[in-house]
Amino acid sequence: MSKHANLKDIVAVAKSAGISEKHLSKYGDYKAKISLEFVEELKNEKDGKLILVSAITPTPAGEGKTTTSIGLHDGLRKSGHKSILALREPSLGPVFGMKGGATGGGKAQIAPMEDINLHFTGDIPAVERAHNLIAAAVDNEIHWGKIKIDSRTIHWKRVMDMNERALRDIVISLGGTKNGYPRETGFDITAASEIMAILCLSENYTELKNRIENILIGLDQDKNPIFARDLNVAGAATALLKDALKPNIVQTLENNPVLIHGGPFANIAQGANSIIATRLAMKLGDYAITEAGFAFELGAEKFFDIVARKAGFTVSAVVLVATARALKYHGGAELKKLNEENIDALIKGFSNLEKHYENILHFGTKAVVAINKFTGDTEKEIETLSCLLKDRGIPFSYSEAWEKGGAGTIDLAEKVVSVTSGTPKSHPLYQLDASIEDKISTIAGKLYGAKKVDYHPKALKDIELIKKLGLEKLPVCIAKTQNSLSDNPKLLGRPKDFLVTVREIEIASGAGFLVPITGDIMRMPGLPSNPAYKKIDIDGKGNITGMF
């Protein structure tokens, strides 16, 4: 039996979402792109309620955020509600690296899994090529003497969609002047590209091109900015993204429609799928579910302060995903002993969940905690966790999406519907006319729990440049570790009275935000000692195994 035996033709799936075949460009039987003309046709339609799925601070054990998102979508549909799910596209880095496939798990998955996890419809390769075209243009203009850029200020590296530590820091143009002028540079993973962030924030080709034109490449010898528009490359880069700007449609294992589009990192960019896909989900569904990367103080904060602010979205509810195992880890339990009952660690680690729930309230929206159940969770742990949540008046539900699919999230779906009644009133955390320092301290103080923010001399110089360029009113997109509420990955649970240190502030003027860098942020991951690619294989009939 084919692994696709239970999937429906994508035309039928799209029809169930209200999309006719004439608006589809099919990529085989089970995936398709949706025309931007259809998106435009729906602009005056009423918006459905927007549900944002986030999580507590990630742990090596995994929380199952995407599995919960898919299960919630299936649960809403099974309960008779018209929902649409919008997700990010997986990067090959995690697929071949640590995580393996990134399309959910168990009975709560999106399909065709192997296509989505690999090249899909070519969006990530298009982003990679558009980014690298700009990189090639930079060195070409330098070679022909058409721009007098200070090579020490060029921050535009090259990208590839693979984990490859050997390319993090390299020297290019060796072998004589016929190859250009040697300089240090490197590679980032494609998901960390500013082009990916731009793609997911742009709503039409004109905006896409304008944002690419506004990318800051570096400074000339007189410290004046050089933008991508000075290279006359934006038109060609936008042409490479012609099809990538169109959202993709696939399905869950229960044949419910899912939009997948874009995949920016959540610790260096906004960490959400495209505005186009999210807006389309809101137009097509009474409930639109989307997901923010990493924990609430990372991806979800950026969704409210960058994505929702730009798009004009109002969030009706946040679903905060947690597990008993993750709470035990934050309470000091060893990773290898998370399947053992440990009530003390669970109670101690609950402070992490409590802090994230408090953070949600800062944005004026409601929340439901989704406890993703695992077979190793004991009755006493479940009872203890339920009591902790009830005592604090936190709405919650246990999700069994992995084991039961939509049937395992009926209660969660009903609670989400309940809390989204009434008019949503979500709002950003700060105003754009606040100073750069005030924006950073507001996020660090209110969401992280930091006592103070310290700035390295490089960061202070960056602030001076930002003000000189007139970009101080842009939102901030703080880059920090995902493994802690603080900027120190070793501080688990709910750390207090810590210092956040800003090393530098990068200017993502094309994407339209500033990136304060805290800690050691890795933009080109390395492969682990036992990478996932060792488990992946293909048989003589072309069937891929070991990815899920």
Protein backbone atom coordinates (compact mmCIF):
# COMPACT_ATOMS: atom_id res chain seq x y z
CA MET A 1 0.00 0.00 0.00
CA SER A 2 1.30 3.46 -0.90
CA LYS A 3 1.94 5.79 2.03
CA HIS A 4 -0.29 8.26 0.13
CA ALA A 5 -3.21 5.82 -0.10
CA ASN A 6 -5.37 7.75 2.39
CA LEU A 7 -4.58 11.22 1.06
CA LYS A 8 -7.03 13.11 -1.11
CA ASP A 9 -6.18 14.88 -4.33
CA ILE A 10 -5.15 18.42 -3.47
CA VAL A 11 -7.93 19.83 -5.66
CA ALA A 12 -10.53 18.21 -3.38
CA VAL A 13 -8.71 19.42 -0.25
CA ALA A 14 -8.54 22.97 -1.62
CA LYS A 15 -12.24 22.85 -2.51
CA SER A 16 -13.06 21.98 1.11
CA ALA A 17 -11.29 25.21 2.08
CA GLY A 18 -13.16 27.27 -0.51
CA ILE A 19 -10.43 27.40 -3.16
CA SER A 20 -11.36 26.44 -6.71
CA GLU A 21 -9.03 24.52 -9.02
CA LYS A 22 -8.54 27.53 -11.32
CA HIS A 23 -6.58 29.23 -8.53
CA LEU A 24 -4.18 26.28 -8.06
CA SER A 25 -0.85 25.41 -9.63
CA LYS A 26 -0.48 21.71 -8.86
CA TYR A 27 2.85 20.13 -7.90
CA GLY A 28 1.80 16.52 -8.28
CA ASP A 29 -1.35 15.08 -6.69
CA TYR A 30 -0.94 16.26 -3.09
CA LYS A 31 0.48 19.77 -3.05
CA ALA A 32 -0.19 23.03 -4.90
CA LYS A 33 0.44 26.74 -4.94
CA ILE A 34 -2.41 29.25 -4.59
CA SER A 35 -2.59 32.27 -6.89
CA LEU A 36 -2.06 35.73 -5.45
CA GLU A 37 -5.08 36.85 -7.48
CA PHE A 38 -7.26 34.65 -5.27
CA VAL A 39 -5.69 36.15 -2.16
CA GLU A 40 -6.50 39.62 -3.51
CA GLU A 41 -10.10 38.63 -4.27
CA LEU A 42 -10.67 37.83 -0.59
CA LYS A 43 -9.28 41.07 0.85
CA ASN A 44 -12.72 42.44 1.77
CA GLU A 45 -13.99 39.19 3.30
CA LYS A 46 -14.55 38.96 7.05
CA ASP A 47 -11.62 37.71 9.14
CA GLY A 48 -11.88 34.58 11.24
CA LYS A 49 -10.50 34.41 14.77
CA LEU A 50 -6.70 34.13 14.91
CA ILE A 51 -5.21 31.55 17.28
CA LEU A 52 -1.47 31.70 17.94
CA VAL A 53 0.25 28.51 19.13
CA SER A 54 3.37 29.01 21.23
CA ALA A 55 5.22 27.05 23.93
CA ILE A 56 7.19 27.14 27.14
CA THR A 57 11.00 27.29 26.96
CA PRO A 58 12.18 24.42 24.70
CA THR A 59 14.03 21.44 26.09
CA PRO A 60 15.95 18.59 24.41
CA ALA A 61 12.94 16.35 25.15
CA GLY A 62 10.74 18.34 22.74
CA GLU A 63 7.32 19.84 23.49
CA GLY A 64 5.36 18.86 20.35
CA LYS A 65 4.20 22.33 19.39
CA THR A 66 3.61 21.53 15.70
CA THR A 67 1.94 18.23 16.60
CA THR A 68 -0.40 20.17 18.90
CA SER A 69 -1.13 22.78 16.21
CA ILE A 70 -2.05 20.09 13.70
CA GLY A 71 -4.08 18.17 16.27
CA LEU A 72 -5.98 21.34 17.27
CA HIS A 73 -6.84 21.97 13.62
CA ASP A 74 -8.10 18.41 13.19
CA GLY A 75 -9.99 18.67 16.49
CA LEU A 76 -11.75 21.89 15.49
CA ARG A 77 -12.71 20.36 12.15
CA LYS A 78 -13.94 17.17 13.84
CA SER A 79 -16.06 19.34 16.16
CA GLY A 80 -17.73 21.00 13.17
CA HIS A 81 -15.74 24.24 13.10
CA LYS A 82 -14.22 25.61 9.90
CA SER A 83 -10.55 26.06 10.73
CA ILE A 84 -7.47 26.62 8.58
CA LEU A 85 -3.91 25.96 9.74
CA ALA A 86 -0.91 28.01 8.53
CA LEU A 87 2.61 26.73 9.29
CA ARG A 88 6.24 27.39 8.43
CA GLU A 89 8.11 25.22 5.95
CA PRO A 90 10.81 22.92 7.42
CA SER A 91 14.47 23.64 6.74
CA LEU A 92 16.73 20.84 5.55
CA GLY A 93 19.11 21.69 8.39
CA PRO A 94 16.95 20.15 11.14
CA VAL A 95 15.63 17.45 8.77
CA PHE A 96 19.13 16.04 8.20
CA GLY A 97 20.54 17.24 11.52
CA MET A 98 19.06 16.81 14.97
CA LYS A 99 15.28 16.65 14.61
CA GLY A 100 14.64 14.60 11.48
CA GLY A 101 11.27 15.38 9.87
CA ALA A 102 9.39 18.51 10.94
CA THR A 103 5.78 17.85 9.94
CA GLY A 104 4.22 16.87 13.27
CA GLY A 105 4.07 13.37 14.67
CA GLY A 106 1.96 10.27 15.18
CA LYS A 107 -1.59 10.79 13.92
CA ALA A 108 -1.18 14.58 13.89
CA GLN A 109 0.94 15.14 10.79
CA ILE A 110 0.81 17.08 7.56
CA ALA A 111 1.40 15.31 4.26
CA PRO A 112 3.05 14.42 1.94
CA MET A 113 5.69 14.46 4.67
CA GLU A 114 8.75 13.57 2.58
CA ASP A 115 7.95 16.26 -0.02
CA ILE A 116 7.38 18.96 2.60
CA ASN A 117 10.58 18.03 4.43
CA LEU A 118 12.70 17.99 1.27
CA HIS A 119 12.43 20.40 -1.69
CA PHE A 120 8.63 20.87 -1.43
CA THR A 121 7.62 23.45 -4.10
CA GLY A 122 11.03 25.13 -4.32
CA ASP A 123 10.45 28.14 -2.05
CA ILE A 124 13.55 27.70 0.11
CA PRO A 125 15.83 27.10 -2.93
CA ALA A 126 14.39 30.31 -4.46
CA VAL A 127 15.21 32.26 -1.30
CA GLU A 128 18.71 30.77 -1.32
CA ARG A 129 19.33 31.82 -4.92
CA ALA A 130 17.91 35.32 -4.52
CA HIS A 131 20.12 35.86 -1.48
CA ASN A 132 23.23 34.51 -3.22
CA LEU A 133 22.56 36.59 -6.34
CA ILE A 134 22.83 39.70 -4.16
CA ALA A 135 26.05 38.33 -2.63
CA ALA A 136 27.47 37.76 -6.11
CA ALA A 137 26.43 41.27 -7.13
CA VAL A 138 28.28 42.77 -4.17
CA ASP A 139 31.58 41.13 -5.11
CA ASN A 140 31.03 41.86 -8.81
CA GLU A 141 30.52 45.57 -8.15
CA ILE A 142 33.65 45.61 -5.99
CA HIS A 143 35.64 43.81 -8.70
CA TRP A 144 34.69 46.35 -11.38
CA GLY A 145 35.18 49.30 -9.05
CA LYS A 146 31.58 50.45 -9.31
CA ILE A 147 31.06 50.75 -5.56
CA LYS A 148 33.62 51.93 -3.01
CA ILE A 149 32.41 49.80 -0.14
CA ASP A 150 34.46 49.23 2.98
CA SER A 151 34.78 45.44 2.83
CA ARG A 152 35.05 45.31 6.64
CA THR A 153 31.44 46.53 6.91
CA ILE A 154 29.87 43.99 4.53
CA HIS A 155 27.55 41.79 6.57
CA TRP A 156 25.78 40.14 3.61
CA LYS A 157 27.08 36.56 3.62
CA ARG A 158 25.98 33.67 1.45
CA VAL A 159 23.42 31.04 2.45
CA MET A 160 22.63 27.37 1.94
CA ASP A 161 19.85 25.19 3.35
CA MET A 162 22.07 22.72 5.15
CA ASN A 163 23.90 22.44 8.46
CA GLU A 164 27.58 23.01 7.61
CA ARG A 165 29.91 24.30 10.34
CA ALA A 166 32.92 24.35 7.97
CA LEU A 167 31.37 27.28 6.07
CA ARG A 168 30.62 29.54 9.03
CA ASP A 169 33.77 31.60 8.57
CA ILE A 170 35.68 31.53 5.28
CA VAL A 171 37.94 33.65 3.08
CA ILE A 172 36.83 34.22 -0.51
CA SER A 173 38.47 35.48 -3.70
CA LEU A 174 41.81 33.72 -3.24
CA GLY A 175 43.99 33.05 -6.28
CA GLY A 176 44.84 36.54 -7.48
CA THR A 177 42.97 39.68 -8.51
CA LYS A 178 41.29 37.86 -11.41
CA ASN A 179 39.06 36.34 -8.73
CA GLY A 180 38.40 39.58 -6.88
CA TYR A 181 39.77 40.93 -3.62
CA PRO A 182 40.13 38.51 -0.70
CA ARG A 183 37.94 39.14 2.32
CA GLU A 184 36.46 37.25 5.23
CA THR A 185 32.84 36.17 5.00
CA GLY A 186 30.86 32.98 5.55
CA PHE A 187 27.59 31.11 5.10
CA ASP A 188 24.35 31.25 7.09
CA ILE A 189 21.57 28.70 6.82
CA THR A 190 18.85 29.86 4.40
CA ALA A 191 16.19 30.19 7.11
CA ALA A 192 18.37 32.92 8.70
CA SER A 193 18.47 34.97 5.47
CA GLU A 194 16.92 38.43 5.52
CA ILE A 195 15.35 37.45 2.19
CA MET A 196 13.34 34.78 4.04
CA ALA A 197 12.16 37.37 6.56
CA ILE A 198 11.28 39.76 3.74
CA LEU A 199 9.36 37.09 1.81
CA CYS A 200 7.21 36.34 4.84
CA LEU A 201 6.46 40.01 5.56
CA SER A 202 5.68 41.03 1.96
CA GLU A 203 2.13 40.90 0.60
CA ASN A 204 2.72 41.63 -3.09
CA TYR A 205 5.52 41.86 -5.65
CA THR A 206 5.89 45.63 -5.32
CA GLU A 207 6.42 45.42 -1.58
CA LEU A 208 8.77 42.46 -2.02
CA LYS A 209 10.97 44.39 -4.45
CA ASN A 210 10.93 47.56 -2.32
CA ARG A 211 12.02 45.64 0.76
CA ILE A 212 14.86 43.95 -1.14
CA GLU A 213 15.98 47.35 -2.42
CA ASN A 214 16.17 48.57 1.19
CA ILE A 215 18.57 45.84 2.35
CA LEU A 216 21.66 47.41 3.93
CA ILE A 217 24.78 45.82 2.43
CA GLY A 218 27.45 47.84 4.21
CA LEU A 219 29.11 51.25 4.35
CA ASP A 220 31.42 53.09 1.98
CA GLN A 221 34.74 54.64 2.96
CA ASP A 222 32.93 57.76 4.18
CA LYS A 223 30.56 55.71 6.37
CA ASN A 224 27.60 56.29 4.06
CA PRO A 225 25.19 53.36 3.63
CA ILE A 226 25.13 51.15 0.55
CA PHE A 227 21.82 49.42 -0.08
CA ALA A 228 20.82 46.63 -2.46
CA ARG A 229 19.18 49.26 -4.68
CA ASP A 230 22.66 50.71 -5.31
CA LEU A 231 23.59 47.39 -6.97
CA ASN A 232 20.57 47.39 -9.34
CA VAL A 233 19.95 43.77 -8.36
CA ALA A 234 16.55 43.94 -6.61
CA GLY A 235 14.52 43.33 -9.77
CA ALA A 236 16.38 40.15 -10.62
CA ALA A 237 16.25 38.92 -7.02
CA THR A 238 12.49 39.53 -6.93
CA ALA A 239 12.08 37.63 -10.21
CA LEU A 240 13.69 34.59 -8.58
CA LEU A 241 10.99 34.79 -5.89
CA LYS A 242 8.07 35.05 -8.31
CA ASP A 243 6.53 31.70 -7.41
CA ALA A 244 7.90 31.61 -3.85
CA LEU A 245 5.60 34.49 -2.88
CA LYS A 246 2.56 32.28 -3.55
CA PRO A 247 1.38 30.22 -0.54
CA ASN A 248 1.30 26.42 -0.63
CA ILE A 249 -1.54 24.10 0.31
CA VAL A 250 -1.24 20.52 1.62
CA GLN A 251 -3.33 18.43 4.07
CA THR A 252 -3.31 16.71 7.44
CA LEU A 253 -3.59 12.93 7.72
CA GLU A 254 -7.29 13.60 8.33
CA ASN A 255 -7.46 15.40 4.96
CA ASN A 256 -7.92 18.89 6.40
CA PRO A 257 -6.38 21.84 4.48
CA VAL A 258 -3.07 23.32 5.65
CA LEU A 259 -1.21 26.34 4.28
CA ILE A 260 2.60 26.18 4.46
CA HIS A 261 4.64 29.20 3.48
CA GLY A 262 8.08 30.45 4.45
CA GLY A 263 10.30 29.56 7.38
CA PRO A 264 12.32 32.35 9.07
CA PHE A 265 14.25 31.55 12.26
CA ALA A 266 12.65 32.74 15.50
CA ASN A 267 15.83 33.84 17.26
CA ILE A 268 17.25 35.95 14.41
CA ALA A 269 14.03 36.86 12.57
CA GLN A 270 10.26 36.85 13.17
CA GLY A 271 9.83 33.06 13.38
CA ALA A 272 6.40 32.90 11.73
CA ASN A 273 4.99 31.78 8.40
CA SER A 274 4.07 34.43 5.83
CA ILE A 275 1.58 37.22 6.35
CA ILE A 276 0.00 36.13 3.05
CA ALA A 277 -0.70 32.61 4.35
CA THR A 278 -1.94 33.78 7.74
CA ARG A 279 -4.23 36.38 6.19
CA LEU A 280 -5.56 33.78 3.73
CA ALA A 281 -6.25 31.38 6.62
CA MET A 282 -8.21 34.12 8.38
CA LYS A 283 -10.28 34.80 5.27
CA LEU A 284 -11.03 31.13 4.60
CA GLY A 285 -11.66 29.90 8.15
CA ASP A 286 -13.78 30.84 11.13
CA TYR A 287 -10.65 29.94 13.08
CA ALA A 288 -7.14 30.48 11.72
CA ILE A 289 -4.34 28.69 13.57
CA THR A 290 -0.73 29.76 13.19
CA GLU A 291 2.44 28.99 15.07
CA ALA A 292 5.34 31.05 16.41
CA GLY A 293 8.83 29.58 16.69
CA PHE A 294 10.48 28.57 19.96
CA ALA A 295 9.01 29.85 23.25
CA PHE A 296 6.55 32.68 23.83
CA GLU A 297 9.17 35.34 24.68
CA LEU A 298 10.89 34.66 21.33
CA GLY A 299 8.62 33.79 18.41
CA ALA A 300 5.30 34.90 19.91
CA GLU A 301 6.66 38.26 21.08
CA LYS A 302 7.90 38.88 17.56
CA PHE A 303 4.56 37.82 16.12
CA PHE A 304 2.77 40.46 18.20
CA ASP A 305 5.37 43.23 17.89
CA ILE A 306 6.50 42.72 14.28
CA VAL A 307 4.13 40.50 12.26
CA ALA A 308 0.74 41.38 13.75
CA ARG A 309 1.65 45.06 14.00
CA LYS A 310 2.67 45.20 10.34
CA ALA A 311 -0.28 43.15 9.07
CA GLY A 312 -2.90 44.62 11.39
CA PHE A 313 -3.75 41.21 12.89
CA THR A 314 -5.56 40.86 16.21
CA VAL A 315 -4.94 37.62 18.11
CA SER A 316 -8.02 36.08 19.74
CA ALA A 317 -6.16 33.51 21.84
CA VAL A 318 -2.78 31.94 22.50
CA VAL A 319 -2.38 28.19 22.97
CA LEU A 320 0.67 27.60 25.17
CA VAL A 321 2.10 24.10 24.70
CA ALA A 322 3.86 22.37 27.59
CA THR A 323 4.71 18.84 28.71
CA ALA A 324 5.23 17.30 32.13
CA ARG A 325 8.64 16.09 30.91
CA ALA A 326 9.73 19.61 29.95
CA LEU A 327 8.60 21.03 33.30
CA LYS A 328 10.57 18.34 35.13
CA TYR A 329 13.63 19.29 33.08
CA HIS A 330 13.21 22.96 34.06
CA GLY A 331 12.88 21.79 37.64
CA GLY A 332 16.29 20.14 37.57
CA ALA A 333 15.55 16.57 36.44
CA GLU A 334 18.20 14.93 34.28
CA LEU A 335 17.36 14.48 30.60
CA LYS A 336 17.86 10.70 30.73
CA LYS A 337 15.51 10.44 33.74
CA LEU A 338 12.55 12.44 32.39
CA ASN A 339 10.44 9.28 32.07
CA GLU A 340 10.77 8.70 35.82
CA GLU A 341 8.20 10.20 38.15
CA ASN A 342 9.56 13.34 39.83
CA ILE A 343 6.90 15.47 41.50
CA ASP A 344 9.38 17.85 43.15
CA ALA A 345 11.01 18.70 39.80
CA LEU A 346 7.58 19.12 38.19
CA ILE A 347 6.48 21.60 40.86
CA LYS A 348 9.74 23.52 40.67
CA GLY A 349 9.72 23.63 36.85
CA PHE A 350 6.13 24.85 36.77
CA SER A 351 7.51 28.36 37.31
CA ASN A 352 8.61 28.40 33.66
CA LEU A 353 5.06 27.75 32.44
CA GLU A 354 3.69 30.30 34.90
CA LYS A 355 6.04 33.01 33.60
CA HIS A 356 5.08 32.35 29.96
CA TYR A 357 1.38 32.52 30.88
CA GLU A 358 1.99 35.88 32.58
CA ASN A 359 3.82 37.06 29.46
CA ILE A 360 0.78 36.29 27.30
CA LEU A 361 -1.36 38.61 29.43
CA HIS A 362 1.01 41.53 28.69
CA PHE A 363 -0.37 41.51 25.12
CA GLY A 364 -4.02 41.76 26.18
CA THR A 365 -5.10 38.39 24.86
CA LYS A 366 -6.50 35.20 26.37
CA ALA A 367 -4.76 31.86 26.63
CA VAL A 368 -5.25 28.12 27.03
CA VAL A 369 -2.43 25.83 28.16
CA ALA A 370 -2.22 22.63 26.11
CA ILE A 371 -0.47 19.86 28.03
CA ASN A 372 0.87 17.47 25.40
CA LYS A 373 0.51 14.06 27.04
CA PHE A 374 3.16 11.35 26.79
CA THR A 375 2.71 7.70 27.66
CA GLY A 376 5.37 8.02 30.36
CA ASP A 377 3.42 10.67 32.30
CA THR A 378 2.25 9.17 35.60
CA GLU A 379 -1.21 9.68 37.14
CA LYS A 380 0.32 11.54 40.07
CA GLU A 381 2.21 13.90 37.73
CA ILE A 382 -0.96 14.62 35.76
CA GLU A 383 -2.92 15.21 38.97
CA THR A 384 -0.21 17.50 40.36
CA LEU A 385 0.00 19.53 37.15
CA SER A 386 -3.79 19.86 37.01
CA CYS A 387 -3.87 21.16 40.58
CA LEU A 388 -1.11 23.70 39.89
CA LEU A 389 -3.01 25.05 36.87
CA LYS A 390 -6.38 25.13 38.67
CA ASP A 391 -4.92 26.87 41.72
CA ARG A 392 -3.66 29.69 39.52
CA GLY A 393 -6.87 29.93 37.49
CA ILE A 394 -5.14 29.00 34.22
CA PRO A 395 -7.39 27.41 31.56
CA PHE A 396 -5.89 24.14 30.34
CA SER A 397 -6.54 20.95 28.42
CA TYR A 398 -4.65 17.71 27.86
CA SER A 399 -3.81 17.01 24.24
CA GLU A 400 -3.47 13.48 22.89
CA ALA A 401 -2.99 14.54 19.28
CA TRP A 402 0.01 12.26 18.69
CA GLU A 403 -1.89 9.13 19.71
CA LYS A 404 -5.44 9.99 18.60
CA GLY A 405 -5.23 12.81 16.06
CA GLY A 406 -8.19 15.20 16.08
CA ALA A 407 -10.12 12.92 18.43
CA GLY A 408 -7.45 13.60 21.06
CA THR A 409 -7.93 17.37 21.00
CA ILE A 410 -11.72 17.78 21.17
CA ASP A 411 -11.58 19.22 24.68
CA LEU A 412 -8.74 21.57 23.70
CA ALA A 413 -10.72 22.71 20.66
CA GLU A 414 -13.80 23.42 22.78
CA LYS A 415 -11.78 25.43 25.30
CA VAL A 416 -10.17 27.46 22.50
CA VAL A 417 -13.59 28.22 21.03
CA SER A 418 -14.78 29.27 24.49
CA VAL A 419 -11.95 31.70 25.24
CA THR A 420 -12.15 33.30 21.78
CA SER A 421 -15.73 34.45 22.29
CA GLY A 422 -16.09 38.20 22.29
CA THR A 423 -14.03 40.89 20.59
CA PRO A 424 -10.24 40.31 20.60
CA LYS A 425 -8.14 43.14 22.03
CA SER A 426 -4.53 42.09 21.59
CA HIS A 427 -1.85 44.76 21.20
CA PRO A 428 1.93 45.16 20.88
CA LEU A 429 4.17 45.37 23.94
CA TYR A 430 5.75 48.74 23.08
CA GLN A 431 5.26 51.76 20.84
CA LEU A 432 7.49 52.27 17.80
CA ASP A 433 8.36 55.86 18.79
CA ALA A 434 10.05 54.60 21.98
CA SER A 435 13.85 54.70 21.99
CA ILE A 436 15.79 51.61 20.92
CA GLU A 437 17.01 51.14 24.49
CA ASP A 438 13.46 51.41 25.88
CA LYS A 439 12.14 48.82 23.42
CA ILE A 440 14.88 46.37 24.39
CA SER A 441 14.52 46.98 28.15
CA THR A 442 10.73 46.60 27.94
CA ILE A 443 11.04 43.16 26.34
CA ALA A 444 13.94 42.07 28.55
CA GLY A 445 12.29 43.31 31.74
CA LYS A 446 8.67 42.33 31.22
CA LEU A 447 9.08 39.08 29.25
CA TYR A 448 12.49 37.70 30.19
CA GLY A 449 12.49 38.93 33.81
CA ALA A 450 15.84 40.72 33.47
CA LYS A 451 16.97 43.26 36.06
CA LYS A 452 19.05 45.35 33.65
CA VAL A 453 20.34 45.53 30.06
CA ASP A 454 24.02 46.18 29.40
CA TYR A 455 25.45 47.35 26.06
CA HIS A 456 28.88 46.58 24.64
CA PRO A 457 30.67 49.50 22.93
CA LYS A 458 29.89 47.95 19.51
CA ALA A 459 26.17 48.03 20.31
CA LEU A 460 26.36 51.69 21.31
CA LYS A 461 28.08 52.53 18.03
CA ASP A 462 25.39 50.61 16.18
CA ILE A 463 22.72 52.70 17.88
CA GLU A 464 24.49 55.85 16.68
CA LEU A 465 24.48 54.51 13.09
CA ILE A 466 20.81 53.52 13.34
CA LYS A 467 19.91 57.04 14.43
CA LYS A 468 22.05 58.53 11.66
CA LEU A 469 20.14 56.45 9.11
CA GLY A 470 16.79 57.46 10.62
CA LEU A 471 15.83 53.87 11.46
CA GLU A 472 15.33 54.20 15.22
CA LYS A 473 11.54 53.78 14.95
CA LEU A 474 11.80 50.24 13.60
CA PRO A 475 10.67 47.39 15.89
CA VAL A 476 13.36 45.27 17.54
CA CYS A 477 13.84 41.55 16.92
CA ILE A 478 16.04 40.41 19.81
CA ALA A 479 18.31 37.47 19.01
CA LYS A 480 18.93 35.29 22.04
CA THR A 481 19.09 31.66 23.07
CA GLN A 482 15.86 29.69 22.89
CA ASN A 483 16.93 27.48 25.79
CA SER A 484 16.26 29.96 28.58
CA LEU A 485 14.07 32.95 29.39
CA SER A 486 17.40 34.76 29.88
CA ASP A 487 20.30 35.17 27.43
CA ASN A 488 22.19 32.40 29.27
CA PRO A 489 21.14 28.92 28.01
CA LYS A 490 22.14 27.34 31.33
CA LEU A 491 19.55 29.26 33.37
CA LEU A 492 16.49 27.00 33.36
CA GLY A 493 13.10 27.43 34.98
CA ARG A 494 12.28 31.06 35.81
CA PRO A 495 15.56 32.93 36.32
CA LYS A 496 15.45 36.26 38.15
CA ASP A 497 17.63 39.34 38.66
CA PHE A 498 19.90 38.56 35.71
CA LEU A 499 21.68 40.87 33.28
CA VAL A 500 20.98 40.82 29.54
CA THR A 501 24.00 41.83 27.47
CA VAL A 502 23.59 43.29 23.98
CA ARG A 503 26.78 42.73 21.98
CA GLU A 504 25.74 44.49 18.79
CA ILE A 505 22.64 45.56 16.87
CA GLU A 506 22.28 44.52 13.25
CA ILE A 507 20.17 46.49 10.81
CA ALA A 508 17.67 44.44 8.80
CA SER A 509 16.33 47.47 6.94
CA GLY A 510 14.78 45.37 4.18
CA ALA A 511 12.81 43.26 6.61
CA GLY A 512 12.06 46.41 8.58
CA PHE A 513 13.45 45.58 12.02
CA LEU A 514 16.57 45.90 14.16
CA VAL A 515 18.32 42.81 15.55
CA PRO A 516 19.97 43.24 18.98
CA ILE A 517 22.36 40.31 19.41
CA THR A 518 22.65 38.75 22.86
CA GLY A 519 24.81 35.75 23.66
CA ASP A 520 26.26 33.48 20.98
CA ILE A 521 23.64 33.10 18.24
CA MET A 522 24.34 30.38 15.69
CA ARG A 523 23.16 31.18 12.14
CA MET A 524 24.85 28.17 10.58
CA PRO A 525 24.24 25.10 12.74
CA GLY A 526 26.56 22.13 12.70
CA LEU A 527 25.57 18.49 12.35
CA PRO A 528 25.43 16.38 15.55
CA SER A 529 27.58 13.30 16.12
CA ASN A 530 24.65 11.06 15.18
CA PRO A 531 22.82 13.09 12.52
CA ALA A 532 19.32 12.27 11.30
CA TYR A 533 20.53 11.75 7.73
CA LYS A 534 22.03 8.39 8.80
CA LYS A 535 18.49 7.08 9.36
CA ILE A 536 17.06 8.26 6.04
CA ASP A 537 17.04 5.89 3.07
CA ILE A 538 15.20 5.23 -0.18
CA ASP A 539 14.19 1.91 -1.71
CA GLY A 540 14.15 0.80 -5.32
CA LYS A 541 10.61 2.12 -5.80
CA GLY A 542 11.48 5.61 -4.58
CA ASN A 543 9.89 5.26 -1.13
CA ILE A 544 11.73 7.30 1.51
CA THR A 545 12.11 5.85 4.99
CA GLY A 546 13.55 6.96 8.33
CA MET A 547 12.52 10.63 8.12
CA PHE A 548 9.59 10.54 10.53
